Amino acid sequence: MRNPLVLLIACLAAGLAGCSSNPMIGPQSSAVTVSQSLPPPDQTGMALDLSNYRIGPLDVIRVEIFGAPELTREAEVDAAGNFSVPLAGPVQAAGRSPAELSDAIAERLRGRYLKSPQVSVNIVKAQSKTFTVDGAVRQPGNYAIVGKMTLQQAIATARGADEAANLNNVVIFRTVNNRKAAALYSLKAIRAGQLEDPQIYGNDIVVVGESAARKFLRDFGNMFPVLGQFVPVL
């Protein structure tokens, strides 16, 4: 008699094999103009968005500790991404949001110097524009563009694609000629040198699609860790 759990896995995997957990952009897309490649964005569309901003090198930030004005410091994040705070020393700032940096500084000060430090971090001057990475990546969020950045570098900034990613379904959204535009890219083909690695600009949104079958097998492996060792690579 066949194991009912094995039958369940086989049926669900077969049902998901031909499915995609997210829609593909194409001619039927009405909210954006779809093309095979994207020109640079409008200059007016490259304005800096500080919502969920992640601090970058050379940004000027202001750190204040409630009740300890002598510890206030306003300065530039150094080229290595560090910011020095009195008593706390150098703290990694690049790649963190202001809230995350506040928590990191408070942790450094807690106990040794202050009982319950309340730290605020504000962006005084952002040197870099930002882009957004969403979808099947390890750390979605808004990131600073420092210098020239490509699609591969943008996804690496978000700690890379996760195990459920569909690398043939990566979309860049951009404002071109006052209209929303989008293009579909294959990260696999880019990595293989078959396609050019496109440049990422300020306010771009990069979305890495998910494979429904990969997502199912990942989630199933989390539910049954022993069986998860035998999940096939799709």
Protein backbone atom coordinates (compact mmCIF):
# COMPACT_ATOMS: atom_id res chain seq x y z
CA MET A 1 0.00 0.00 0.00
CA ARG A 2 1.42 3.36 -1.01
CA ASN A 3 2.10 5.95 1.65
CA PRO A 4 -0.77 8.52 1.54
CA LEU A 5 1.70 11.32 2.38
CA VAL A 6 3.77 10.46 -0.69
CA LEU A 7 0.60 10.45 -2.83
CA LEU A 8 -0.35 13.87 -1.45
CA ILE A 9 3.09 15.30 -2.27
CA ALA A 10 2.97 13.85 -5.78
CA CYS A 11 -0.50 15.22 -6.50
CA LEU A 12 0.28 18.71 -5.19
CA ALA A 13 3.63 18.89 -6.97
CA ALA A 14 2.02 17.76 -10.24
CA GLY A 15 -0.70 20.38 -9.89
CA LEU A 16 1.83 23.12 -9.22
CA ALA A 17 4.35 22.14 -11.87
CA GLY A 18 2.59 24.09 -14.60
CA CYS A 19 1.53 26.98 -12.41
CA SER A 20 3.04 30.35 -11.71
CA SER A 21 2.30 32.08 -8.41
CA ASN A 22 2.49 35.52 -9.98
CA PRO A 23 1.16 36.94 -13.27
CA MET A 24 3.51 37.64 -16.16
CA ILE A 25 3.52 41.09 -17.76
CA GLY A 26 2.63 41.20 -21.44
CA PRO A 27 0.61 43.02 -24.10
CA GLN A 28 -2.51 42.68 -21.95
CA SER A 29 -0.96 44.80 -19.18
CA SER A 30 -2.96 48.03 -19.04
CA ALA A 31 -1.30 49.87 -16.14
CA VAL A 32 2.16 49.96 -17.74
CA THR A 33 3.73 50.14 -21.18
CA VAL A 34 5.52 46.84 -21.71
CA SER A 35 8.72 46.63 -23.75
CA GLN A 36 11.71 44.33 -24.13
CA SER A 37 14.08 46.95 -22.71
CA LEU A 38 13.76 50.24 -20.85
CA PRO A 39 15.36 53.60 -21.70
CA PRO A 40 16.60 55.83 -18.84
CA PRO A 41 13.81 57.32 -16.71
CA ASP A 42 12.49 60.88 -16.71
CA GLN A 43 14.68 63.19 -14.66
CA THR A 44 11.63 64.33 -12.70
CA GLY A 45 10.92 60.71 -11.86
CA MET A 46 14.30 60.22 -10.27
CA ALA A 47 13.54 62.33 -7.20
CA LEU A 48 14.71 60.79 -3.94
CA ASP A 49 12.16 58.83 -1.91
CA LEU A 50 13.14 58.54 1.76
CA SER A 51 10.33 56.17 2.76
CA ASN A 52 12.01 53.04 4.13
CA TYR A 53 15.31 54.53 2.96
CA ARG A 54 18.45 52.48 3.56
CA ILE A 55 21.48 54.54 4.47
CA GLY A 56 24.38 54.60 2.04
CA PRO A 57 28.04 55.65 2.18
CA LEU A 58 28.61 59.43 2.21
CA ASP A 59 25.05 60.15 3.38
CA VAL A 60 24.94 62.81 6.11
CA ILE A 61 22.95 61.66 9.15
CA ARG A 62 22.17 63.09 12.58
CA VAL A 63 22.14 60.86 15.65
CA GLU A 64 20.55 62.12 18.87
CA ILE A 65 20.24 60.37 22.23
CA PHE A 66 17.37 61.57 24.41
CA GLY A 67 18.66 63.07 27.67
CA ALA A 68 22.29 63.08 26.49
CA PRO A 69 22.71 66.06 24.14
CA GLU A 70 26.51 65.82 24.47
CA LEU A 71 26.34 62.57 22.46
CA THR A 72 24.56 64.18 19.49
CA ARG A 73 26.53 63.83 16.27
CA GLU A 74 25.88 64.97 12.71
CA ALA A 75 28.35 63.74 10.14
CA GLU A 76 28.95 61.77 6.96
CA VAL A 77 28.78 58.00 6.81
CA ASP A 78 32.28 56.95 5.74
CA ALA A 79 33.08 55.20 2.46
CA ALA A 80 33.07 51.82 4.22
CA GLY A 81 29.54 52.46 5.49
CA ASN A 82 30.42 53.12 9.15
CA PHE A 83 29.27 55.95 11.41
CA SER A 84 31.07 56.78 14.66
CA VAL A 85 28.99 57.61 17.73
CA PRO A 86 30.47 58.88 21.01
CA LEU A 87 30.83 55.99 23.51
CA ALA A 88 29.37 53.51 21.01
CA GLY A 89 32.25 53.72 18.56
CA PRO A 90 31.95 52.90 14.82
CA VAL A 91 28.60 51.30 13.90
CA GLN A 92 27.70 49.80 10.52
CA ALA A 93 25.20 52.26 9.02
CA ALA A 94 25.15 51.45 5.29
CA GLY A 95 22.36 49.11 4.29
CA ARG A 96 20.30 49.87 7.40
CA SER A 97 17.17 51.96 7.72
CA PRO A 98 17.25 54.85 10.25
CA ALA A 99 15.16 52.72 12.65
CA GLU A 100 17.54 49.76 12.34
CA LEU A 101 20.55 52.00 12.96
CA SER A 102 18.79 53.52 15.99
CA ASP A 103 18.34 50.04 17.46
CA ALA A 104 21.97 49.09 16.76
CA ILE A 105 23.32 52.23 18.49
CA ALA A 106 20.96 51.79 21.45
CA GLU A 107 22.17 48.20 21.86
CA ARG A 108 25.79 49.42 21.97
CA LEU A 109 24.98 52.02 24.65
CA ARG A 110 22.55 49.98 26.76
CA GLY A 111 23.81 48.89 30.15
CA ARG A 112 27.40 50.10 29.87
CA TYR A 113 26.61 53.82 29.56
CA LEU A 114 22.84 54.35 29.60
CA LYS A 115 20.09 52.28 31.20
CA SER A 116 17.44 52.67 28.49
CA PRO A 117 18.86 54.78 25.65
CA GLN A 118 16.37 56.34 23.25
CA VAL A 119 18.12 56.99 19.96
CA SER A 120 16.84 58.85 16.92
CA VAL A 121 18.51 58.81 13.49
CA ASN A 122 17.57 61.32 10.79
CA ILE A 123 18.74 61.67 7.21
CA VAL A 124 20.18 65.17 6.76
CA LYS A 125 21.49 64.74 3.23
CA ALA A 126 21.08 61.65 1.08
CA GLN A 127 23.80 61.41 -1.51
CA SER A 128 22.26 58.52 -3.38
CA LYS A 129 18.96 57.89 -5.08
CA THR A 130 17.01 54.81 -4.12
CA PHE A 131 15.52 51.79 -5.82
CA THR A 132 13.19 49.09 -4.52
CA VAL A 133 13.61 45.31 -4.66
CA ASP A 134 10.55 43.17 -3.97
CA GLY A 135 9.32 39.63 -4.51
CA ALA A 136 11.39 36.46 -4.10
CA VAL A 137 14.54 37.97 -2.60
CA ARG A 138 16.06 37.43 0.83
CA GLN A 139 15.76 41.04 2.02
CA PRO A 140 13.17 43.15 0.14
CA GLY A 141 13.37 46.89 0.68
CA ASN A 142 14.55 50.28 -0.52
CA TYR A 143 18.27 50.68 -1.18
CA ALA A 144 20.63 53.49 -2.12
CA ILE A 145 22.24 53.62 -5.55
CA VAL A 146 25.92 54.38 -5.19
CA GLY A 147 27.62 54.88 -8.54
CA LYS A 148 26.40 52.84 -11.51
CA MET A 149 24.26 49.83 -10.59
CA THR A 150 23.02 46.92 -12.70
CA LEU A 151 20.15 44.48 -12.22
CA GLN A 152 22.45 41.74 -10.92
CA GLN A 153 23.98 44.13 -8.39
CA ALA A 154 20.53 45.35 -7.32
CA ILE A 155 19.36 41.83 -6.52
CA ALA A 156 22.66 41.08 -4.74
CA THR A 157 22.07 44.20 -2.61
CA ALA A 158 18.83 42.57 -1.42
CA ARG A 159 20.90 39.53 -0.33
CA GLY A 160 20.12 37.67 -3.54
CA ALA A 161 17.15 35.74 -4.89
CA ASP A 162 15.63 33.22 -2.49
CA GLU A 163 15.10 29.52 -3.15
CA ALA A 164 11.56 30.05 -4.48
CA ALA A 165 12.60 32.61 -7.14
CA ASN A 166 11.75 32.27 -10.80
CA LEU A 167 14.90 33.74 -12.34
CA ASN A 168 13.28 33.94 -15.77
CA ASN A 169 10.62 36.31 -14.42
CA VAL A 170 12.33 39.48 -13.18
CA VAL A 171 10.51 42.75 -13.93
CA ILE A 172 11.81 46.32 -13.78
CA PHE A 173 9.19 49.08 -13.42
CA ARG A 174 10.17 52.64 -14.38
CA THR A 175 8.64 56.00 -15.37
CA VAL A 176 9.55 56.87 -18.97
CA ASN A 177 8.09 59.86 -20.85
CA ASN A 178 5.65 60.45 -17.98
CA ARG A 179 4.25 56.93 -18.29
CA LYS A 180 4.74 53.82 -16.23
CA ALA A 181 6.80 51.29 -18.17
CA ALA A 182 7.98 47.76 -17.47
CA ALA A 183 10.25 45.16 -19.03
CA LEU A 184 10.74 41.47 -18.30
CA TYR A 185 14.26 40.07 -17.89
CA SER A 186 15.79 36.63 -17.41
CA LEU A 187 18.41 36.75 -14.67
CA LYS A 188 19.55 33.29 -15.76
CA ALA A 189 20.33 34.56 -19.27
CA ILE A 190 22.10 37.64 -17.86
CA ARG A 191 24.25 35.48 -15.59
CA ALA A 192 25.13 33.27 -18.54
CA GLY A 193 26.26 36.31 -20.55
CA GLN A 194 23.47 35.82 -23.09
CA LEU A 195 21.75 39.13 -22.31
CA GLU A 196 23.08 42.53 -21.28
CA ASP A 197 22.80 43.36 -17.58
CA PRO A 198 20.51 46.47 -17.58
CA GLN A 199 21.27 49.55 -15.52
CA ILE A 200 19.12 50.40 -12.50
CA TYR A 201 18.11 54.02 -11.84
CA GLY A 202 16.61 55.95 -8.95
CA ASN A 203 12.97 55.06 -8.18
CA ASP A 204 13.16 51.82 -10.22
CA ILE A 205 11.20 48.91 -8.79
CA VAL A 206 12.66 45.43 -9.32
CA VAL A 207 10.32 42.50 -8.72
CA VAL A 208 11.66 38.93 -8.69
CA GLY A 209 8.90 36.46 -9.51
CA GLU A 210 8.16 33.24 -7.63
CA SER A 211 7.88 29.72 -8.94
CA ALA A 212 4.77 28.16 -7.43
CA ALA A 213 6.34 24.68 -7.44
CA ARG A 214 9.55 25.93 -5.79
CA LYS A 215 7.55 27.82 -3.16
CA PHE A 216 5.45 24.75 -2.38
CA LEU A 217 8.50 22.51 -2.02
CA ARG A 218 10.27 25.08 0.16
CA ASP A 219 7.26 25.51 2.45
CA PHE A 220 6.70 21.76 2.56
CA GLY A 221 10.35 21.25 3.48
CA ASN A 222 9.94 23.71 6.35
CA MET A 223 6.92 21.76 7.61
CA PHE A 224 8.68 18.40 7.30
CA PRO A 225 12.43 19.06 7.67
CA VAL A 226 13.51 15.44 7.19
CA LEU A 227 11.55 15.06 3.96
CA GLY A 228 12.81 18.49 2.90
CA GLN A 229 16.26 16.96 2.41
CA PHE A 230 14.91 15.09 -0.62
CA VAL A 231 13.19 17.99 -2.37
CA PRO A 232 14.21 17.87 -6.06
CA VAL A 233 15.77 20.89 -7.77
CA LEU A 234 13.40 22.31 -10.40
